[in-house]
């Protein structure tokens, strides 16, 4: 038996297509999944095609997500076409012809998928966060807009490129509400990192995570200005 760890939900979603989706619909979803993963199309346009017009929307979403997981996990483990067919037949109940169809789509793009995964796992070309500086500013009324009275945070992210050692800064201004929203989104991202399943899709794939434990970045406070 060939093990491709895509999770029970994905296996159930693919198994359900045996009785509810035609081969042309499965093929269309496979093509769409590959196109989105490789950045060739946006998800909202890739899933719009004549073959899927009569397919249940929920079934489209579940099957599409399952195929994304299948393609990424199979590419990560360098599975062959015959191994993918065997997995689909033994675990998802696919007929040989349907399994061959999906497996051929995969092997046609396997090299591209593996190249993309290797880039995702290597973050050395991206700037790394070294420090954060912030200051609180109070916007006083101006002659042309006397009603403006608000607090704004000016935030500066200090980054370094670890390939060439080049330092840089990214500055932005945010209101209290906008900064709270940013912090909330970052907390959500941390939760996803901690509880992400092994069969997650690109962007949260387990091989895509790196952790630098050499030194935590520092947070510096700059005296508030009025």
N, C-alpha and C. Protein backbone atom coordinates (compact mmCIF):
# COMPACT_ATOMS: atom_id res chain seq x y z
N UNK A 1 0.85 -1.21 0.00
CA UNK A 1 0.00 0.00 0.00
C UNK A 1 0.88 1.25 0.00
N UNK A 2 0.50 2.22 -0.83
CA UNK A 2 1.22 3.48 -0.92
C UNK A 2 0.57 4.49 0.02
N UNK A 3 1.39 5.09 0.89
CA UNK A 3 0.87 6.07 1.83
C UNK A 3 1.16 7.47 1.33
N UNK A 4 0.11 8.25 1.09
CA UNK A 4 0.24 9.67 0.78
C UNK A 4 -0.62 10.38 1.81
N UNK A 5 0.03 11.07 2.71
CA UNK A 5 -0.64 11.62 3.90
C UNK A 5 -1.41 12.90 3.57
N UNK A 6 -2.63 12.75 3.09
CA UNK A 6 -3.44 13.92 2.75
C UNK A 6 -4.56 14.16 3.76
N UNK A 7 -4.70 13.28 4.74
CA UNK A 7 -5.73 13.47 5.76
C UNK A 7 -7.03 12.79 5.40
N UNK A 8 -7.78 12.44 6.42
CA UNK A 8 -9.03 11.69 6.21
C UNK A 8 -10.07 12.51 5.46
N UNK A 9 -10.15 13.82 5.73
CA UNK A 9 -11.15 14.65 5.04
C UNK A 9 -10.91 14.66 3.54
N UNK A 10 -9.65 14.77 3.14
CA UNK A 10 -9.32 14.79 1.71
C UNK A 10 -9.63 13.45 1.05
N UNK A 11 -9.31 12.36 1.76
CA UNK A 11 -9.62 11.03 1.23
C UNK A 11 -11.13 10.86 1.04
N UNK A 12 -11.91 11.30 2.01
CA UNK A 12 -13.36 11.21 1.90
C UNK A 12 -13.89 12.05 0.75
N UNK A 13 -13.30 13.23 0.57
CA UNK A 13 -13.75 14.11 -0.52
C UNK A 13 -13.48 13.47 -1.87
N UNK A 14 -12.31 12.86 -2.04
CA UNK A 14 -12.00 12.20 -3.31
C UNK A 14 -12.85 10.95 -3.50
N UNK A 15 -13.08 10.22 -2.43
CA UNK A 15 -13.91 9.01 -2.52
C UNK A 15 -15.33 9.35 -2.94
N UNK A 16 -15.83 10.51 -2.48
CA UNK A 16 -17.20 10.92 -2.81
C UNK A 16 -17.38 11.19 -4.29
N UNK A 17 -16.29 11.54 -4.99
CA UNK A 17 -16.42 11.85 -6.42
C UNK A 17 -16.68 10.61 -7.26
N UNK A 18 -16.40 9.44 -6.69
CA UNK A 18 -16.61 8.20 -7.45
C UNK A 18 -18.06 8.10 -7.90
N UNK A 19 -19.01 8.50 -7.03
CA UNK A 19 -20.43 8.38 -7.34
C UNK A 19 -21.08 9.71 -7.72
N UNK A 20 -20.39 10.83 -7.50
CA UNK A 20 -21.05 12.13 -7.70
C UNK A 20 -20.42 13.01 -8.76
N UNK A 21 -19.28 12.63 -9.29
CA UNK A 21 -18.61 13.48 -10.28
C UNK A 21 -18.13 12.64 -11.46
N UNK A 22 -18.19 13.22 -12.63
CA UNK A 22 -17.72 12.53 -13.83
C UNK A 22 -16.20 12.65 -13.94
N UNK A 23 -15.61 11.87 -14.83
CA UNK A 23 -14.17 11.95 -15.04
C UNK A 23 -13.77 13.32 -15.57
N UNK A 24 -14.61 13.90 -16.42
CA UNK A 24 -14.30 15.22 -16.97
C UNK A 24 -14.31 16.29 -15.88
N UNK A 25 -15.19 16.14 -14.91
CA UNK A 25 -15.23 17.09 -13.80
C UNK A 25 -14.01 16.95 -12.90
N UNK A 26 -13.62 15.71 -12.61
CA UNK A 26 -12.42 15.48 -11.81
C UNK A 26 -11.19 16.01 -12.55
N UNK A 27 -11.15 15.79 -13.85
CA UNK A 27 -10.03 16.30 -14.66
C UNK A 27 -9.98 17.82 -14.61
N UNK A 28 -11.13 18.47 -14.74
CA UNK A 28 -11.19 19.94 -14.71
C UNK A 28 -10.71 20.48 -13.37
N UNK A 29 -11.09 19.81 -12.29
CA UNK A 29 -10.66 20.24 -10.96
C UNK A 29 -9.17 20.01 -10.76
N UNK A 30 -8.66 18.92 -11.32
CA UNK A 30 -7.22 18.67 -11.23
C UNK A 30 -6.41 19.71 -11.98
N UNK A 31 -6.88 20.07 -13.15
CA UNK A 31 -6.20 21.11 -13.94
C UNK A 31 -6.24 22.44 -13.21
N UNK A 32 -7.39 22.75 -12.62
CA UNK A 32 -7.54 24.00 -11.86
C UNK A 32 -6.61 24.02 -10.65
N UNK A 33 -6.54 22.91 -9.93
CA UNK A 33 -5.70 22.84 -8.74
C UNK A 33 -4.23 23.08 -9.10
N UNK A 34 -3.77 22.46 -10.15
CA UNK A 34 -2.37 22.64 -10.57
C UNK A 34 -2.10 24.06 -11.03
N UNK A 35 -3.05 24.64 -11.75
CA UNK A 35 -2.87 26.00 -12.25
C UNK A 35 -2.77 27.00 -11.10
N UNK A 36 -3.58 26.80 -10.07
CA UNK A 36 -3.56 27.72 -8.92
C UNK A 36 -2.28 27.53 -8.11
N UNK A 37 -1.91 26.29 -7.85
CA UNK A 37 -0.69 26.02 -7.08
C UNK A 37 0.52 26.66 -7.75
N UNK A 38 0.62 26.53 -9.05
CA UNK A 38 1.78 27.02 -9.79
C UNK A 38 1.69 28.50 -10.15
N UNK A 39 0.60 29.14 -9.70
CA UNK A 39 0.46 30.57 -9.92
C UNK A 39 0.10 30.96 -11.34
N UNK A 40 -0.45 30.03 -12.10
CA UNK A 40 -0.81 30.31 -13.49
C UNK A 40 -2.19 30.95 -13.60
N UNK A 41 -3.04 30.70 -12.61
CA UNK A 41 -4.39 31.27 -12.60
C UNK A 41 -4.82 31.57 -11.18
N UNK A 42 -5.78 32.49 -11.08
CA UNK A 42 -6.40 32.74 -9.78
C UNK A 42 -7.47 31.68 -9.53
N UNK A 43 -7.70 31.41 -8.27
CA UNK A 43 -8.66 30.37 -7.90
C UNK A 43 -10.06 30.67 -8.43
N UNK A 44 -10.47 31.96 -8.37
CA UNK A 44 -11.84 32.29 -8.77
C UNK A 44 -12.07 32.14 -10.26
N UNK A 45 -11.01 32.21 -11.06
CA UNK A 45 -11.16 32.01 -12.50
C UNK A 45 -10.88 30.56 -12.92
N UNK A 46 -9.97 29.91 -12.21
CA UNK A 46 -9.61 28.54 -12.57
C UNK A 46 -10.77 27.57 -12.38
N UNK A 47 -11.65 27.88 -11.41
CA UNK A 47 -12.76 26.98 -11.11
C UNK A 47 -14.02 27.30 -11.90
N UNK A 48 -13.91 28.19 -12.85
CA UNK A 48 -15.04 28.52 -13.71
C UNK A 48 -14.80 27.91 -15.09
N UNK A 49 -15.51 26.82 -15.39
CA UNK A 49 -15.39 26.17 -16.70
C UNK A 49 -16.67 25.38 -16.96
N UNK A 50 -16.97 25.10 -18.21
CA UNK A 50 -18.23 24.40 -18.55
C UNK A 50 -18.39 23.06 -17.85
N UNK A 51 -17.29 22.33 -17.64
CA UNK A 51 -17.39 20.99 -17.04
C UNK A 51 -17.92 21.04 -15.62
N UNK A 52 -17.76 22.18 -14.93
CA UNK A 52 -18.15 22.27 -13.53
C UNK A 52 -19.48 23.00 -13.32
N UNK A 53 -20.14 23.38 -14.38
CA UNK A 53 -21.38 24.17 -14.26
C UNK A 53 -22.47 23.43 -13.50
N UNK A 54 -22.56 22.12 -13.69
CA UNK A 54 -23.64 21.35 -13.05
C UNK A 54 -23.19 20.66 -11.77
N UNK A 55 -22.00 20.95 -11.30
CA UNK A 55 -21.48 20.28 -10.11
C UNK A 55 -21.80 21.10 -8.86
N UNK A 56 -22.15 20.41 -7.79
CA UNK A 56 -22.46 21.08 -6.53
C UNK A 56 -21.27 21.92 -6.05
N UNK A 57 -21.56 23.14 -5.61
CA UNK A 57 -20.49 24.07 -5.21
C UNK A 57 -19.66 23.52 -4.07
N UNK A 58 -20.32 22.93 -3.08
CA UNK A 58 -19.59 22.37 -1.95
C UNK A 58 -18.69 21.23 -2.39
N UNK A 59 -19.19 20.42 -3.33
CA UNK A 59 -18.39 19.31 -3.84
C UNK A 59 -17.17 19.83 -4.61
N UNK A 60 -17.36 20.92 -5.34
CA UNK A 60 -16.24 21.53 -6.07
C UNK A 60 -15.15 21.95 -5.09
N UNK A 61 -15.55 22.64 -4.03
CA UNK A 61 -14.57 23.14 -3.05
C UNK A 61 -13.83 22.00 -2.37
N UNK A 62 -14.58 20.98 -1.95
CA UNK A 62 -13.96 19.88 -1.22
C UNK A 62 -13.02 19.07 -2.12
N UNK A 63 -13.45 18.80 -3.34
CA UNK A 63 -12.62 18.01 -4.26
C UNK A 63 -11.38 18.79 -4.69
N UNK A 64 -11.57 20.07 -4.97
CA UNK A 64 -10.45 20.94 -5.35
C UNK A 64 -9.39 20.97 -4.24
N UNK A 65 -9.83 21.18 -2.99
CA UNK A 65 -8.90 21.23 -1.87
C UNK A 65 -8.18 19.90 -1.69
N UNK A 66 -8.92 18.80 -1.86
CA UNK A 66 -8.32 17.48 -1.71
C UNK A 66 -7.26 17.23 -2.78
N UNK A 67 -7.53 17.67 -4.00
CA UNK A 67 -6.56 17.49 -5.08
C UNK A 67 -5.31 18.34 -4.86
N UNK A 68 -5.49 19.54 -4.31
CA UNK A 68 -4.34 20.37 -3.97
C UNK A 68 -3.45 19.64 -2.96
N UNK A 69 -4.07 19.08 -1.92
CA UNK A 69 -3.32 18.33 -0.92
C UNK A 69 -2.62 17.13 -1.54
N UNK A 70 -3.34 16.41 -2.40
CA UNK A 70 -2.77 15.22 -3.03
C UNK A 70 -1.55 15.57 -3.87
N UNK A 71 -1.68 16.59 -4.72
CA UNK A 71 -0.58 16.95 -5.61
C UNK A 71 0.65 17.42 -4.83
N UNK A 72 0.44 18.23 -3.80
CA UNK A 72 1.56 18.75 -3.02
C UNK A 72 2.25 17.64 -2.22
N UNK A 73 1.45 16.78 -1.59
CA UNK A 73 2.02 15.72 -0.77
C UNK A 73 2.74 14.69 -1.65
N UNK A 74 2.16 14.38 -2.80
CA UNK A 74 2.80 13.43 -3.70
C UNK A 74 4.08 14.00 -4.28
N UNK A 75 4.08 15.29 -4.59
CA UNK A 75 5.29 15.93 -5.11
C UNK A 75 6.38 15.99 -4.05
N UNK A 76 5.99 16.30 -2.82
CA UNK A 76 6.96 16.40 -1.73
C UNK A 76 7.69 15.07 -1.53
N UNK A 77 6.95 13.96 -1.65
CA UNK A 77 7.53 12.63 -1.44
C UNK A 77 7.98 11.97 -2.73
N UNK A 78 7.97 12.74 -3.82
CA UNK A 78 8.46 12.25 -5.12
C UNK A 78 7.78 10.95 -5.54
N UNK A 79 6.45 10.92 -5.43
CA UNK A 79 5.70 9.73 -5.83
C UNK A 79 5.65 9.61 -7.35
N UNK A 80 5.66 8.37 -7.82
CA UNK A 80 5.57 8.10 -9.25
C UNK A 80 4.11 8.06 -9.68
N UNK A 81 3.89 8.01 -10.98
CA UNK A 81 2.53 7.95 -11.50
C UNK A 81 1.84 6.68 -11.02
N UNK A 82 2.53 5.56 -11.04
CA UNK A 82 1.92 4.29 -10.62
C UNK A 82 1.59 4.31 -9.13
N UNK A 83 2.40 4.98 -8.33
CA UNK A 83 2.13 5.06 -6.89
C UNK A 83 0.89 5.90 -6.61
N UNK A 84 0.71 6.98 -7.35
CA UNK A 84 -0.48 7.82 -7.18
C UNK A 84 -1.72 7.04 -7.59
N UNK A 85 -1.63 6.30 -8.69
CA UNK A 85 -2.77 5.48 -9.13
C UNK A 85 -3.12 4.45 -8.07
N UNK A 86 -2.10 3.78 -7.53
CA UNK A 86 -2.34 2.76 -6.51
C UNK A 86 -3.00 3.35 -5.28
N UNK A 87 -2.55 4.54 -4.87
CA UNK A 87 -3.14 5.20 -3.71
C UNK A 87 -4.61 5.55 -3.97
N UNK A 88 -4.90 6.12 -5.13
CA UNK A 88 -6.27 6.52 -5.45
C UNK A 88 -7.19 5.30 -5.55
N UNK A 89 -6.69 4.19 -6.05
CA UNK A 89 -7.51 2.98 -6.17
C UNK A 89 -7.74 2.34 -4.81
N UNK A 90 -6.69 2.24 -4.00
CA UNK A 90 -6.82 1.51 -2.73
C UNK A 90 -7.47 2.34 -1.63
N UNK A 91 -7.19 3.65 -1.60
CA UNK A 91 -7.68 4.49 -0.50
C UNK A 91 -8.95 5.27 -0.85
N UNK A 92 -9.14 5.59 -2.13
CA UNK A 92 -10.26 6.45 -2.52
C UNK A 92 -11.28 5.74 -3.40
N UNK A 93 -11.01 4.48 -3.76
CA UNK A 93 -11.97 3.72 -4.55
C UNK A 93 -12.05 4.11 -6.00
N UNK A 94 -11.02 4.76 -6.53
CA UNK A 94 -11.03 5.17 -7.93
C UNK A 94 -10.88 3.96 -8.84
N UNK A 95 -11.58 4.01 -9.98
CA UNK A 95 -11.34 3.03 -11.02
C UNK A 95 -9.98 3.33 -11.65
N UNK A 96 -9.41 2.34 -12.33
CA UNK A 96 -8.07 2.52 -12.87
C UNK A 96 -7.99 3.68 -13.85
N UNK A 97 -9.01 3.83 -14.70
CA UNK A 97 -8.99 4.90 -15.70
C UNK A 97 -9.01 6.28 -15.03
N UNK A 98 -9.84 6.42 -14.00
CA UNK A 98 -9.91 7.71 -13.30
C UNK A 98 -8.62 7.98 -12.53
N UNK A 99 -8.07 6.95 -11.93
CA UNK A 99 -6.79 7.11 -11.22
C UNK A 99 -5.68 7.51 -12.17
N UNK A 100 -5.65 6.88 -13.35
CA UNK A 100 -4.65 7.22 -14.36
C UNK A 100 -4.78 8.67 -14.81
N UNK A 101 -6.01 9.13 -14.93
CA UNK A 101 -6.26 10.49 -15.38
C UNK A 101 -5.65 11.50 -14.40
N UNK A 102 -5.93 11.32 -13.12
CA UNK A 102 -5.41 12.23 -12.10
C UNK A 102 -3.89 12.11 -12.00
N UNK A 103 -3.39 10.88 -12.04
CA UNK A 103 -1.95 10.67 -11.91
C UNK A 103 -1.17 11.26 -13.08
N UNK A 104 -1.74 11.21 -14.28
CA UNK A 104 -1.08 11.80 -15.43
C UNK A 104 -1.02 13.32 -15.32
N UNK A 105 -2.07 13.92 -14.78
CA UNK A 105 -2.04 15.36 -14.54
C UNK A 105 -0.91 15.70 -13.57
N UNK A 106 -0.79 14.89 -12.54
CA UNK A 106 0.25 15.13 -11.53
C UNK A 106 1.65 14.99 -12.11
N UNK A 107 1.92 13.88 -12.78
CA UNK A 107 3.28 13.64 -13.27
C UNK A 107 3.67 14.66 -14.34
N UNK A 108 2.69 15.20 -15.06
CA UNK A 108 3.00 16.21 -16.06
C UNK A 108 3.53 17.51 -15.45
N UNK A 109 3.20 17.74 -14.18
CA UNK A 109 3.64 18.98 -13.49
C UNK A 109 4.49 18.69 -12.25
N UNK A 110 4.90 17.43 -12.06
CA UNK A 110 5.60 17.08 -10.82
C UNK A 110 6.90 17.87 -10.66
N UNK A 111 7.67 18.01 -11.72
CA UNK A 111 8.93 18.74 -11.60
C UNK A 111 8.69 20.19 -11.21
N UNK A 112 7.65 20.80 -11.79
CA UNK A 112 7.32 22.18 -11.43
C UNK A 112 6.88 22.28 -9.98
N UNK A 113 6.10 21.30 -9.53
CA UNK A 113 5.63 21.30 -8.14
C UNK A 113 6.80 21.14 -7.16
N UNK A 114 7.71 20.25 -7.47
CA UNK A 114 8.86 20.04 -6.58
C UNK A 114 9.76 21.26 -6.55
N UNK A 115 9.90 21.92 -7.70
CA UNK A 115 10.68 23.15 -7.73
C UNK A 115 10.04 24.24 -6.89
N UNK A 116 8.72 24.32 -6.96
CA UNK A 116 8.01 25.32 -6.17
C UNK A 116 8.11 25.03 -4.68
N UNK A 117 8.00 23.77 -4.30
CA UNK A 117 8.11 23.40 -2.90
C UNK A 117 9.51 23.68 -2.35
N UNK A 118 10.53 23.47 -3.17
CA UNK A 118 11.89 23.75 -2.71
C UNK A 118 12.08 25.24 -2.47
N UNK A 119 11.44 26.09 -3.29
CA UNK A 119 11.51 27.53 -3.08
C UNK A 119 10.75 27.93 -1.82
N UNK A 120 9.60 27.28 -1.59
CA UNK A 120 8.79 27.59 -0.42
C UNK A 120 9.53 27.24 0.86
N UNK A 121 10.30 26.16 0.84
CA UNK A 121 11.02 25.72 2.03
C UNK A 121 12.27 26.55 2.30
N UNK A 122 12.75 27.29 1.26
CA UNK A 122 13.96 28.09 1.42
C UNK A 122 13.59 29.56 1.49
N UNK A 123 13.67 30.14 2.67
CA UNK A 123 13.28 31.54 2.86
C UNK A 123 14.49 32.47 2.92
N UNK A 124 15.68 31.98 2.55
CA UNK A 124 16.87 32.79 2.70
C UNK A 124 16.86 34.03 1.82
N UNK A 125 16.10 33.99 0.71
CA UNK A 125 16.08 35.14 -0.19
C UNK A 125 15.12 36.24 0.30
N UNK A 126 14.32 35.93 1.33
CA UNK A 126 13.38 36.91 1.87
C UNK A 126 14.02 37.67 3.02
N UNK A 127 13.68 38.96 3.19
CA UNK A 127 14.19 39.71 4.34
C UNK A 127 13.69 39.11 5.64
N UNK A 128 14.54 39.08 6.66
CA UNK A 128 14.15 38.57 7.97
C UNK A 128 14.01 39.73 8.94
N UNK A 129 13.04 39.62 9.83
CA UNK A 129 12.76 40.68 10.79
C UNK A 129 13.81 40.69 11.89
N UNK A 130 14.43 41.85 12.11
CA UNK A 130 15.46 42.00 13.13
C UNK A 130 15.00 42.86 14.31
N UNK A 131 14.07 43.75 14.08
CA UNK A 131 13.63 44.61 15.16
C UNK A 131 12.42 45.43 14.76
N UNK A 132 11.75 45.97 15.76
CA UNK A 132 10.55 46.79 15.53
C UNK A 132 10.68 48.07 16.36
N UNK A 133 10.43 49.19 15.73
CA UNK A 133 10.39 50.47 16.43
C UNK A 133 9.03 51.10 16.19
N UNK A 134 8.53 51.81 17.17
CA UNK A 134 7.25 52.48 16.97
C UNK A 134 7.20 53.75 17.80
N UNK A 135 6.37 54.66 17.32
CA UNK A 135 6.10 55.86 18.10
C UNK A 135 4.66 56.28 17.88
N UNK A 136 4.13 56.91 18.89
CA UNK A 136 2.73 57.33 18.88
C UNK A 136 2.66 58.79 18.50
N UNK A 137 1.84 59.08 17.50
CA UNK A 137 1.69 60.45 17.03
C UNK A 137 0.26 60.90 17.20
N UNK A 138 0.09 62.14 17.55
CA UNK A 138 -1.26 62.72 17.71
C UNK A 138 -1.47 63.75 16.62
N UNK A 139 -2.47 63.50 15.79
CA UNK A 139 -2.77 64.43 14.70
C UNK A 139 -3.65 65.56 15.23
N UNK A 140 -3.11 66.77 15.21
CA UNK A 140 -3.86 67.93 15.69
C UNK A 140 -4.65 68.53 14.53
N UNK A 141 -5.69 69.29 14.82
CA UNK A 141 -6.50 69.88 13.77
C UNK A 141 -5.67 70.78 12.85
N UNK A 142 -5.97 70.72 11.57
CA UNK A 142 -5.33 71.57 10.58
C UNK A 142 -6.35 72.62 10.11
N UNK A 143 -5.86 73.74 9.59
CA UNK A 143 -6.77 74.80 9.15
C UNK A 143 -7.81 74.33 8.13
N UNK A 144 -7.38 73.42 7.24
CA UNK A 144 -8.31 72.94 6.20
C UNK A 144 -9.16 71.76 6.66
N UNK A 145 -8.85 71.20 7.83
CA UNK A 145 -9.62 70.07 8.33
C UNK A 145 -9.58 70.08 9.86
N UNK A 146 -10.31 70.99 10.48
CA UNK A 146 -10.24 71.16 11.93
C UNK A 146 -10.82 69.99 12.72
N UNK A 147 -11.53 69.08 12.07
CA UNK A 147 -12.20 67.99 12.79
C UNK A 147 -11.27 66.81 13.08
N UNK A 148 -10.07 66.81 12.44
CA UNK A 148 -9.18 65.66 12.58
C UNK A 148 -8.46 65.69 13.92
N UNK A 149 -8.76 64.74 14.77
CA UNK A 149 -8.07 64.54 16.04
C UNK A 149 -7.98 63.04 16.29
N UNK A 150 -6.83 62.46 16.06
CA UNK A 150 -6.71 61.02 16.25
C UNK A 150 -5.27 60.64 16.59
N UNK A 151 -5.15 59.45 17.19
CA UNK A 151 -3.85 58.88 17.50
C UNK A 151 -3.43 57.94 16.38
N UNK A 152 -2.18 58.04 15.96
CA UNK A 152 -1.65 57.18 14.92
C UNK A 152 -0.35 56.56 15.40
N UNK A 153 -0.15 55.30 15.04
CA UNK A 153 1.11 54.63 15.32
C UNK A 153 1.97 54.66 14.06
N UNK A 154 3.20 55.12 14.18
CA UNK A 154 4.18 55.02 13.09
C UNK A 154 5.09 53.85 13.43
N UNK A 155 5.04 52.79 12.63
CA UNK A 155 5.76 51.55 12.91
C UNK A 155 6.87 51.38 11.88
N UNK A 156 8.03 50.98 12.36
CA UNK A 156 9.18 50.72 11.48
C UNK A 156 9.67 49.30 11.73
N UNK A 157 9.66 48.48 10.68
CA UNK A 157 10.17 47.11 10.75
C UNK A 157 11.60 47.10 10.20
N UNK A 158 12.56 46.73 11.04
CA UNK A 158 13.95 46.63 10.63
C UNK A 158 14.22 45.22 10.11
N UNK A 159 14.69 45.12 8.87
CA UNK A 159 14.90 43.80 8.26
C UNK A 159 16.34 43.67 7.78
N UNK A 160 16.74 42.43 7.55
CA UNK A 160 18.08 42.16 7.01
C UNK A 160 17.97 41.03 6.00
N UNK A 161 18.67 41.18 4.89
CA UNK A 161 18.75 40.14 3.88
C UNK A 161 19.93 39.24 4.22
N UNK A 162 19.66 37.98 4.54
CA UNK A 162 20.72 37.11 5.03
C UNK A 162 21.63 36.57 3.94
N UNK A 163 21.27 36.84 2.68
CA UNK A 163 22.15 36.43 1.60
C UNK A 163 23.30 37.41 1.41
N UNK A 164 22.99 38.72 1.54
CA UNK A 164 24.04 39.72 1.33
C UNK A 164 24.25 40.64 2.54
N UNK A 165 23.48 40.42 3.63
CA UNK A 165 23.65 41.22 4.83
C UNK A 165 23.10 42.62 4.74
N UNK A 166 22.36 42.91 3.69
CA UNK A 166 21.84 44.27 3.50
C UNK A 166 20.69 44.54 4.46
N UNK A 167 20.75 45.67 5.16
CA UNK A 167 19.70 46.06 6.08
C UNK A 167 18.72 47.01 5.40
N UNK A 168 17.48 46.95 5.82
CA UNK A 168 16.46 47.80 5.22
C UNK A 168 15.39 48.09 6.26
N UNK A 169 14.49 49.00 5.92
CA UNK A 169 13.39 49.35 6.82
C UNK A 169 12.09 49.42 6.03
N UNK A 170 11.03 49.02 6.69
CA UNK A 170 9.69 49.15 6.13
C UNK A 170 8.85 49.93 7.14
N UNK A 171 8.37 51.09 6.72
CA UNK A 171 7.61 51.94 7.61
C UNK A 171 6.15 52.03 7.16
N UNK A 172 5.25 52.11 8.14
CA UNK A 172 3.85 52.33 7.82
C UNK A 172 3.18 53.02 8.99
N UNK A 173 2.04 53.63 8.71
CA UNK A 173 1.25 54.33 9.72
C UNK A 173 -0.08 53.61 9.86
N UNK A 174 -0.52 53.45 11.11
CA UNK A 174 -1.79 52.75 11.35
C UNK A 174 -2.52 53.39 12.51
N UNK A 175 -3.84 53.37 12.42
CA UNK A 175 -4.66 53.82 13.55
C UNK A 175 -4.66 52.74 14.62
N UNK A 176 -5.22 53.04 15.77
CA UNK A 176 -5.30 52.05 16.84
C UNK A 176 -6.07 50.82 16.37
N UNK A 177 -7.19 51.05 15.68
CA UNK A 177 -8.02 49.93 15.20
C UNK A 177 -7.27 49.09 14.16
N UNK A 178 -6.55 49.76 13.26
CA UNK A 178 -5.81 49.03 12.23
C UNK A 178 -4.68 48.21 12.84
N UNK A 179 -4.00 48.77 13.84
CA UNK A 179 -2.92 48.04 14.49
C UNK A 179 -3.47 46.84 15.27
N UNK A 180 -4.61 47.02 15.91
CA UNK A 180 -5.24 45.91 16.62
C UNK A 180 -5.61 44.80 15.64
N UNK A 181 -6.11 45.18 14.47
CA UNK A 181 -6.46 44.19 13.46
C UNK A 181 -5.22 43.44 12.98
N UNK A 182 -4.11 44.17 12.79
CA UNK A 182 -2.85 43.53 12.38
C UNK A 182 -2.39 42.53 13.42
N UNK A 183 -2.41 42.92 14.69
CA UNK A 183 -1.99 42.02 15.77
C UNK A 183 -2.88 40.78 15.81
N UNK A 184 -4.18 40.98 15.62
CA UNK A 184 -5.11 39.85 15.63
C UNK A 184 -4.81 38.88 14.49
N UNK A 185 -4.50 39.41 13.32
CA UNK A 185 -4.19 38.55 12.17
C UNK A 185 -2.89 37.79 12.39
N UNK A 186 -1.91 38.44 13.00
CA UNK A 186 -0.65 37.77 13.29
C UNK A 186 -0.85 36.64 14.29
N UNK A 187 -1.72 36.87 15.30
CA UNK A 187 -2.02 35.82 16.27
C UNK A 187 -2.70 34.64 15.58
N UNK A 188 -3.60 34.94 14.63
CA UNK A 188 -4.25 33.86 13.87
C UNK A 188 -3.23 33.06 13.09
N UNK A 189 -2.24 33.77 12.50
CA UNK A 189 -1.19 33.09 11.74
C UNK A 189 -0.38 32.16 12.64
N UNK A 190 -0.10 32.61 13.87
CA UNK A 190 0.64 31.78 14.82
C UNK A 190 -0.15 30.52 15.18
N UNK A 191 -1.46 30.66 15.32
CA UNK A 191 -2.30 29.51 15.63
C UNK A 191 -2.27 28.51 14.48
N UNK A 192 -2.34 29.03 13.24
CA UNK A 192 -2.28 28.15 12.08
C UNK A 192 -0.96 27.39 12.05
N UNK A 193 0.12 28.08 12.41
CA UNK A 193 1.44 27.45 12.42
C UNK A 193 1.50 26.33 13.44
N UNK A 194 0.92 26.56 14.61
CA UNK A 194 0.98 25.58 15.69
C UNK A 194 0.10 24.36 15.44
N UNK A 195 -1.04 24.58 14.75
CA UNK A 195 -2.01 23.48 14.60
C UNK A 195 -2.18 23.04 13.16
N UNK A 196 -1.32 23.48 12.27
CA UNK A 196 -1.42 23.12 10.87
C UNK A 196 -1.25 21.62 10.67
N UNK A 197 -2.18 20.97 9.91
CA UNK A 197 -2.06 19.53 9.66
C UNK A 197 -0.97 19.26 8.64
N UNK A 198 -0.50 18.03 8.59
CA UNK A 198 0.58 17.70 7.67
C UNK A 198 0.16 17.81 6.23
N UNK A 199 -1.13 17.81 5.96
CA UNK A 199 -1.61 17.85 4.58
C UNK A 199 -2.12 19.22 4.19
N UNK A 200 -1.62 20.26 4.81
CA UNK A 200 -2.10 21.60 4.49
C UNK A 200 -1.63 22.01 3.11
N UNK A 201 -2.28 23.02 2.54
CA UNK A 201 -1.99 23.45 1.19
C UNK A 201 -0.82 24.40 1.18
N UNK A 202 -0.37 24.75 -0.02
CA UNK A 202 0.79 25.61 -0.18
C UNK A 202 0.62 26.90 0.56
N UNK A 203 1.69 27.31 1.23
CA UNK A 203 1.64 28.51 2.03
C UNK A 203 1.64 28.18 3.51
N UNK A 204 1.03 27.04 3.85
CA UNK A 204 1.12 26.56 5.23
C UNK A 204 1.64 25.13 5.24
N UNK A 205 2.29 24.73 4.17
CA UNK A 205 2.79 23.37 4.10
C UNK A 205 3.90 23.17 5.11
N UNK A 206 3.94 22.04 5.75
CA UNK A 206 4.84 21.85 6.88
C UNK A 206 6.30 21.99 6.49
N UNK A 207 6.67 21.69 5.23
CA UNK A 207 8.06 21.84 4.84
C UNK A 207 8.40 23.30 4.55
N UNK A 208 7.39 24.15 4.51
CA UNK A 208 7.65 25.54 4.20
C UNK A 208 8.03 26.37 5.41
N UNK A 209 8.01 25.81 6.60
CA UNK A 209 8.27 26.58 7.80
C UNK A 209 9.75 26.53 8.15
N UNK A 210 10.29 27.67 8.53
CA UNK A 210 11.63 27.72 9.07
C UNK A 210 11.57 28.50 10.37
N UNK A 211 12.48 28.20 11.27
CA UNK A 211 12.48 28.90 12.55
C UNK A 211 13.92 29.26 12.90
N UNK A 212 14.17 30.51 13.17
CA UNK A 212 15.49 30.97 13.54
C UNK A 212 15.51 31.17 15.05
N UNK A 213 16.31 30.38 15.73
CA UNK A 213 16.34 30.47 17.19
C UNK A 213 17.60 31.16 17.70
N UNK A 214 18.35 31.78 16.78
CA UNK A 214 19.60 32.40 17.21
C UNK A 214 19.35 33.57 18.15
N UNK A 215 18.36 34.41 17.83
CA UNK A 215 18.05 35.52 18.73
C UNK A 215 16.69 36.07 18.39
N UNK A 216 15.83 36.26 19.38
CA UNK A 216 14.52 36.86 19.12
C UNK A 216 14.70 38.34 18.80
N UNK A 217 13.84 38.87 17.94
CA UNK A 217 13.97 40.29 17.64
C UNK A 217 13.50 41.11 18.83
N UNK A 218 14.06 42.29 18.95
CA UNK A 218 13.73 43.14 20.08
C UNK A 218 12.66 44.13 19.68
N UNK A 219 11.94 44.60 20.65
CA UNK A 219 10.92 45.62 20.44
C UNK A 219 11.36 46.86 21.19
N UNK A 220 11.55 47.94 20.45
CA UNK A 220 12.01 49.19 21.05
C UNK A 220 10.87 50.20 21.05
N UNK A 221 10.74 50.92 22.12
CA UNK A 221 9.71 51.93 22.20
C UNK A 221 10.35 53.31 22.05
N UNK A 222 9.77 54.11 21.18
CA UNK A 222 10.22 55.47 20.97
C UNK A 222 9.24 56.41 21.67
N UNK A 223 9.75 57.40 22.34
CA UNK A 223 8.90 58.31 23.10
C UNK A 223 7.80 58.90 22.21
N UNK A 224 6.59 58.90 22.73
CA UNK A 224 5.46 59.42 21.96
C UNK A 224 5.65 60.90 21.69
N UNK A 225 5.21 61.30 20.49
CA UNK A 225 5.30 62.70 20.12
C UNK A 225 3.90 63.29 20.03
N UNK A 226 3.79 64.55 20.29
CA UNK A 226 2.48 65.20 20.19
C UNK A 226 2.52 66.25 19.12
